[in-house]
């Protein structure tokens, strides 16, 4: 598997894990996942804004 494809797969997995944490209302976990993910700050912000809980801890 090429390196580019691997990065995209890891990025998609990171995104889904962050979405799940945000949907559960666990902003702290979502932020830690973001910190060690391949996502950019802008991508994390979009995920956060699109969540139903808006960072309720």
PDB file of N, CA and C in Angstrom:
ATOM      1  N   UNK A   1       0.849  -1.165   0.000  1.00  0.00           N
ATOM      2  CA  UNK A   1       0.000   0.000   0.000  1.00  0.00           C
ATOM      3  C   UNK A   1       0.901   1.236   0.000  1.00  0.00           C
ATOM      4  N   UNK A   2       0.545   2.198  -0.778  1.00  0.00           N
ATOM      5  CA  UNK A   2       1.377   3.396  -0.868  1.00  0.00           C
ATOM      6  C   UNK A   2       1.250   4.248   0.399  1.00  0.00           C
ATOM      7  N   UNK A   3       2.249   5.068   0.608  1.00  0.00           N
ATOM      8  CA  UNK A   3       2.280   5.916   1.797  1.00  0.00           C
ATOM      9  C   UNK A   3       1.126   6.915   1.801  1.00  0.00           C
ATOM     10  N   UNK A   4       0.776   7.444   0.651  1.00  0.00           N
ATOM     11  CA  UNK A   4      -0.313   8.425   0.557  1.00  0.00           C
ATOM     12  C   UNK A   4      -1.641   7.785   0.948  1.00  0.00           C
ATOM     13  N   UNK A   5      -1.882   6.570   0.464  1.00  0.00           N
ATOM     14  CA  UNK A   5      -3.122   5.871   0.790  1.00  0.00           C
ATOM     15  C   UNK A   5      -3.162   5.569   2.287  1.00  0.00           C
ATOM     16  N   UNK A   6      -2.046   5.156   2.848  1.00  0.00           N
ATOM     17  CA  UNK A   6      -1.977   4.868   4.286  1.00  0.00           C
ATOM     18  C   UNK A   6      -2.322   6.101   5.106  1.00  0.00           C
ATOM     19  N   UNK A   7      -1.779   7.248   4.733  1.00  0.00           N
ATOM     20  CA  UNK A   7      -2.066   8.491   5.465  1.00  0.00           C
ATOM     21  C   UNK A   7      -3.548   8.829   5.396  1.00  0.00           C
ATOM     22  N   UNK A   8      -4.158   8.631   4.234  1.00  0.00           N
ATOM     23  CA  UNK A   8      -5.585   8.929   4.084  1.00  0.00           C
ATOM     24  C   UNK A   8      -6.434   7.997   4.941  1.00  0.00           C
ATOM     25  N   UNK A   9      -6.055   6.743   5.006  1.00  0.00           N
ATOM     26  CA  UNK A   9      -6.795   5.786   5.829  1.00  0.00           C
ATOM     27  C   UNK A   9      -6.685   6.165   7.303  1.00  0.00           C
ATOM     28  N   UNK A  10      -5.470   6.474   7.759  1.00  0.00           N
ATOM     29  CA  UNK A  10      -5.289   6.894   9.150  1.00  0.00           C
ATOM     30  C   UNK A  10      -6.070   8.170   9.447  1.00  0.00           C
ATOM     31  N   UNK A  11      -6.101   9.080   8.499  1.00  0.00           N
ATOM     32  CA  UNK A  11      -6.828  10.335   8.683  1.00  0.00           C
ATOM     33  C   UNK A  11      -8.326  10.069   8.826  1.00  0.00           C
ATOM     34  N   UNK A  12      -8.858   9.157   8.024  1.00  0.00           N
ATOM     35  CA  UNK A  12     -10.280   8.812   8.107  1.00  0.00           C
ATOM     36  C   UNK A  12     -10.607   8.145   9.442  1.00  0.00           C
ATOM     37  N   UNK A  13      -9.717   7.276   9.900  1.00  0.00           N
ATOM     38  CA  UNK A  13      -9.921   6.618  11.193  1.00  0.00           C
ATOM     39  C   UNK A  13      -9.890   7.653  12.317  1.00  0.00           C
ATOM     40  N   UNK A  14      -8.918   8.547  12.281  1.00  0.00           N
ATOM     41  CA  UNK A  14      -8.831   9.621  13.279  1.00  0.00           C
ATOM     42  C   UNK A  14     -10.112  10.442  13.298  1.00  0.00           C
ATOM     43  N   UNK A  15     -10.579  10.803  12.121  1.00  0.00           N
ATOM     44  CA  UNK A  15     -11.793  11.622  12.006  1.00  0.00           C
ATOM     45  C   UNK A  15     -12.992  10.914  12.623  1.00  0.00           C
ATOM     46  N   UNK A  16     -13.160   9.626  12.346  1.00  0.00           N
ATOM     47  CA  UNK A  16     -14.292   8.878  12.892  1.00  0.00           C
ATOM     48  C   UNK A  16     -14.209   8.759  14.415  1.00  0.00           C
ATOM     49  N   UNK A  17     -13.018   8.540  14.936  1.00  0.00           N
ATOM     50  CA  UNK A  17     -12.851   8.440  16.387  1.00  0.00           C
ATOM     51  C   UNK A  17     -13.176   9.771  17.061  1.00  0.00           C
ATOM     52  N   UNK A  18     -12.758  10.870  16.456  1.00  0.00           N
ATOM     53  CA  UNK A  18     -13.057  12.195  17.006  1.00  0.00           C
ATOM     54  C   UNK A  18     -14.550  12.465  16.940  1.00  0.00           C
ATOM     55  N   UNK A  19     -15.180  12.114  15.824  1.00  0.00           N
ATOM     56  CA  UNK A  19     -16.633  12.297  15.699  1.00  0.00           C
ATOM     57  C   UNK A  19     -17.368  11.540  16.796  1.00  0.00           C
ATOM     58  N   UNK A  20     -16.946  10.302  17.040  1.00  0.00           N
ATOM     59  CA  UNK A  20     -17.603   9.496  18.077  1.00  0.00           C
ATOM     60  C   UNK A  20     -17.461  10.141  19.448  1.00  0.00           C
ATOM     61  N   UNK A  21     -16.279  10.650  19.756  1.00  0.00           N
ATOM     62  CA  UNK A  21     -16.067  11.305  21.045  1.00  0.00           C
ATOM     63  C   UNK A  21     -16.934  12.556  21.168  1.00  0.00           C
ATOM     64  N   UNK A  22     -17.011  13.336  20.110  1.00  0.00           N
ATOM     65  CA  UNK A  22     -17.835  14.550  20.148  1.00  0.00           C
ATOM     66  C   UNK A  22     -19.311  14.202  20.282  1.00  0.00           C
ATOM     67  N   UNK A  23     -19.765  13.170  19.584  1.00  0.00           N
ATOM     68  CA  UNK A  23     -21.167  12.767  19.681  1.00  0.00           C
ATOM     69  C   UNK A  23     -21.512  12.277  21.080  1.00  0.00           C
ATOM     70  N   UNK A  24     -20.525  11.695  21.769  1.00  0.00           N
ATOM     71  CA  UNK A  24     -20.730  11.248  23.142  1.00  0.00           C
ATOM     72  C   UNK A  24     -20.617  12.398  24.142  1.00  0.00           C
ATOM     73  N   UNK A  25     -20.289  13.584  23.656  1.00  0.00           N
ATOM     74  CA  UNK A  25     -20.166  14.739  24.529  1.00  0.00           C
ATOM     75  C   UNK A  25     -18.845  14.792  25.265  1.00  0.00           C
ATOM     76  N   UNK A  26     -17.870  14.057  24.803  1.00  0.00           N
ATOM     77  CA  UNK A  26     -16.579  13.995  25.484  1.00  0.00           C
ATOM     78  C   UNK A  26     -15.554  14.841  24.727  1.00  0.00           C
ATOM     79  N   UNK A  27     -15.597  16.142  24.962  1.00  0.00           N
ATOM     80  CA  UNK A  27     -14.710  17.060  24.247  1.00  0.00           C
ATOM     81  C   UNK A  27     -13.250  16.828  24.608  1.00  0.00           C
ATOM     82  N   UNK A  28     -12.981  16.518  25.870  1.00  0.00           N
ATOM     83  CA  UNK A  28     -11.587  16.303  26.281  1.00  0.00           C
ATOM     84  C   UNK A  28     -10.962  15.140  25.515  1.00  0.00           C
ATOM     85  N   UNK A  29     -11.700  14.051  25.399  1.00  0.00           N
ATOM     86  CA  UNK A  29     -11.191  12.901  24.639  1.00  0.00           C
ATOM     87  C   UNK A  29     -11.013  13.265  23.170  1.00  0.00           C
ATOM     88  N   UNK A  30     -11.963  13.986  22.609  1.00  0.00           N
ATOM     89  CA  UNK A  30     -11.875  14.402  21.213  1.00  0.00           C
ATOM     90  C   UNK A  30     -10.642  15.269  20.985  1.00  0.00           C
ATOM     91  N   UNK A  31     -10.360  16.149  21.926  1.00  0.00           N
ATOM     92  CA  UNK A  31      -9.198  17.018  21.782  1.00  0.00           C
ATOM     93  C   UNK A  31      -7.894  16.230  21.863  1.00  0.00           C
ATOM     94  N   UNK A  32      -7.811  15.274  22.765  1.00  0.00           N
ATOM     95  CA  UNK A  32      -6.614  14.441  22.864  1.00  0.00           C
ATOM     96  C   UNK A  32      -6.433  13.636  21.583  1.00  0.00           C
ATOM     97  N   UNK A  33      -7.514  13.079  21.070  1.00  0.00           N
ATOM     98  CA  UNK A  33      -7.434  12.345  19.807  1.00  0.00           C
ATOM     99  C   UNK A  33      -6.953  13.258  18.677  1.00  0.00           C
ATOM    100  N   UNK A  34      -7.473  14.480  18.653  1.00  0.00           N
ATOM    101  CA  UNK A  34      -7.048  15.439  17.628  1.00  0.00           C
ATOM    102  C   UNK A  34      -5.562  15.750  17.759  1.00  0.00           C
ATOM    103  N   UNK A  35      -5.113  15.927  18.981  1.00  0.00           N
ATOM    104  CA  UNK A  35      -3.716  16.298  19.227  1.00  0.00           C
ATOM    105  C   UNK A  35      -2.747  15.301  18.587  1.00  0.00           C
ATOM    106  N   UNK A  36      -3.108  14.032  18.593  1.00  0.00           N
ATOM    107  CA  UNK A  36      -2.237  12.997  18.053  1.00  0.00           C
ATOM    108  C   UNK A  36      -2.695  12.486  16.688  1.00  0.00           C
ATOM    109  N   UNK A  37      -3.590  13.212  16.054  1.00  0.00           N
ATOM    110  CA  UNK A  37      -4.132  12.778  14.766  1.00  0.00           C
ATOM    111  C   UNK A  37      -3.451  13.474  13.594  1.00  0.00           C
ATOM    112  N   UNK A  38      -3.868  13.081  12.415  1.00  0.00           N
ATOM    113  CA  UNK A  38      -3.350  13.676  11.179  1.00  0.00           C
ATOM    114  C   UNK A  38      -4.226  14.839  10.714  1.00  0.00           C
ATOM    115  N   UNK A  39      -5.244  15.188  11.485  1.00  0.00           N
ATOM    116  CA  UNK A  39      -6.155  16.255  11.095  1.00  0.00           C
ATOM    117  C   UNK A  39      -5.549  17.629  11.358  1.00  0.00           C
ATOM    118  N   UNK A  40      -5.973  18.586  10.553  1.00  0.00           N
ATOM    119  CA  UNK A  40      -5.556  19.968  10.764  1.00  0.00           C
ATOM    120  C   UNK A  40      -6.511  20.623  11.766  1.00  0.00           C
ATOM    121  N   UNK A  41      -6.116  21.778  12.258  1.00  0.00           N
ATOM    122  CA  UNK A  41      -6.953  22.519  13.199  1.00  0.00           C
ATOM    123  C   UNK A  41      -8.293  22.866  12.556  1.00  0.00           C
ATOM    124  N   UNK A  42      -8.269  23.241  11.294  1.00  0.00           N
ATOM    125  CA  UNK A  42      -9.500  23.602  10.574  1.00  0.00           C
ATOM    126  C   UNK A  42     -10.431  22.399  10.449  1.00  0.00           C
ATOM    127  N   UNK A  43      -9.866  21.229  10.174  1.00  0.00           N
ATOM    128  CA  UNK A  43     -10.688  20.022  10.055  1.00  0.00           C
ATOM    129  C   UNK A  43     -11.310  19.660  11.398  1.00  0.00           C
ATOM    130  N   UNK A  44     -10.547  19.805  12.475  1.00  0.00           N
ATOM    131  CA  UNK A  44     -11.081  19.531  13.806  1.00  0.00           C
ATOM    132  C   UNK A  44     -12.187  20.518  14.147  1.00  0.00           C
ATOM    133  N   UNK A  45     -11.982  21.779  13.817  1.00  0.00           N
ATOM    134  CA  UNK A  45     -12.991  22.802  14.089  1.00  0.00           C
ATOM    135  C   UNK A  45     -14.288  22.491  13.362  1.00  0.00           C
ATOM    136  N   UNK A  46     -14.189  22.059  12.116  1.00  0.00           N
ATOM    137  CA  UNK A  46     -15.401  21.689  11.357  1.00  0.00           C
ATOM    138  C   UNK A  46     -16.124  20.525  12.011  1.00  0.00           C
ATOM    139  N   UNK A  47     -15.372  19.524  12.454  1.00  0.00           N
ATOM    140  CA  UNK A  47     -15.983  18.383  13.135  1.00  0.00           C
ATOM    141  C   UNK A  47     -16.661  18.834  14.417  1.00  0.00           C
ATOM    142  N   UNK A  48     -15.987  19.688  15.156  1.00  0.00           N
ATOM    143  CA  UNK A  48     -16.535  20.173  16.422  1.00  0.00           C
ATOM    144  C   UNK A  48     -17.823  20.961  16.191  1.00  0.00           C
ATOM    145  N   UNK A  49     -17.820  21.818  15.188  1.00  0.00           N
ATOM    146  CA  UNK A  49     -19.005  22.627  14.901  1.00  0.00           C
ATOM    147  C   UNK A  49     -20.158  21.784  14.377  1.00  0.00           C
ATOM    148  N   UNK A  50     -19.856  20.687  13.706  1.00  0.00           N
ATOM    149  CA  UNK A  50     -20.909  19.855  13.145  1.00  0.00           C
ATOM    150  C   UNK A  50     -21.477  18.854  14.149  1.00  0.00           C
ATOM    151  N   UNK A  51     -20.817  18.725  15.317  1.00  0.00           N
ATOM    152  CA  UNK A  51     -21.329  17.801  16.321  1.00  0.00           C
ATOM    153  C   UNK A  51     -22.587  18.370  16.957  1.00  0.00           C
ATOM    154  N   UNK A  52     -23.406  17.494  17.454  1.00  0.00           N
ATOM    155  CA  UNK A  52     -24.673  17.916  18.070  1.00  0.00           C
ATOM    156  C   UNK A  52     -24.478  18.531  19.437  1.00  0.00           C
ATOM    157  N   UNK A  53     -23.369  18.216  20.102  1.00  0.00           N
ATOM    158  CA  UNK A  53     -23.181  18.628  21.496  1.00  0.00           C
ATOM    159  C   UNK A  53     -22.387  19.911  21.654  1.00  0.00           C
ATOM    160  N   UNK A  54     -21.727  20.355  20.619  1.00  0.00           N
ATOM    161  CA  UNK A  54     -20.950  21.591  20.645  1.00  0.00           C
ATOM    162  C   UNK A  54     -20.004  21.684  21.824  1.00  0.00           C
ATOM    163  N   UNK A  55     -19.338  20.552  22.116  1.00  0.00           N
ATOM    164  CA  UNK A  55     -18.285  20.564  23.127  1.00  0.00           C
ATOM    165  C   UNK A  55     -18.749  20.538  24.563  1.00  0.00           C
ATOM    166  N   UNK A  56     -19.950  20.078  24.813  1.00  0.00           N
ATOM    167  CA  UNK A  56     -20.420  19.968  26.183  1.00  0.00           C
ATOM    168  C   UNK A  56     -19.616  18.882  26.871  1.00  0.00           C
ATOM    169  N   UNK A  57     -19.052  19.218  27.996  1.00  0.00           N
ATOM    170  CA  UNK A  57     -18.199  18.264  28.714  1.00  0.00           C
ATOM    171  C   UNK A  57     -19.010  17.569  29.797  1.00  0.00           C
TER     172      UNK A  57
END
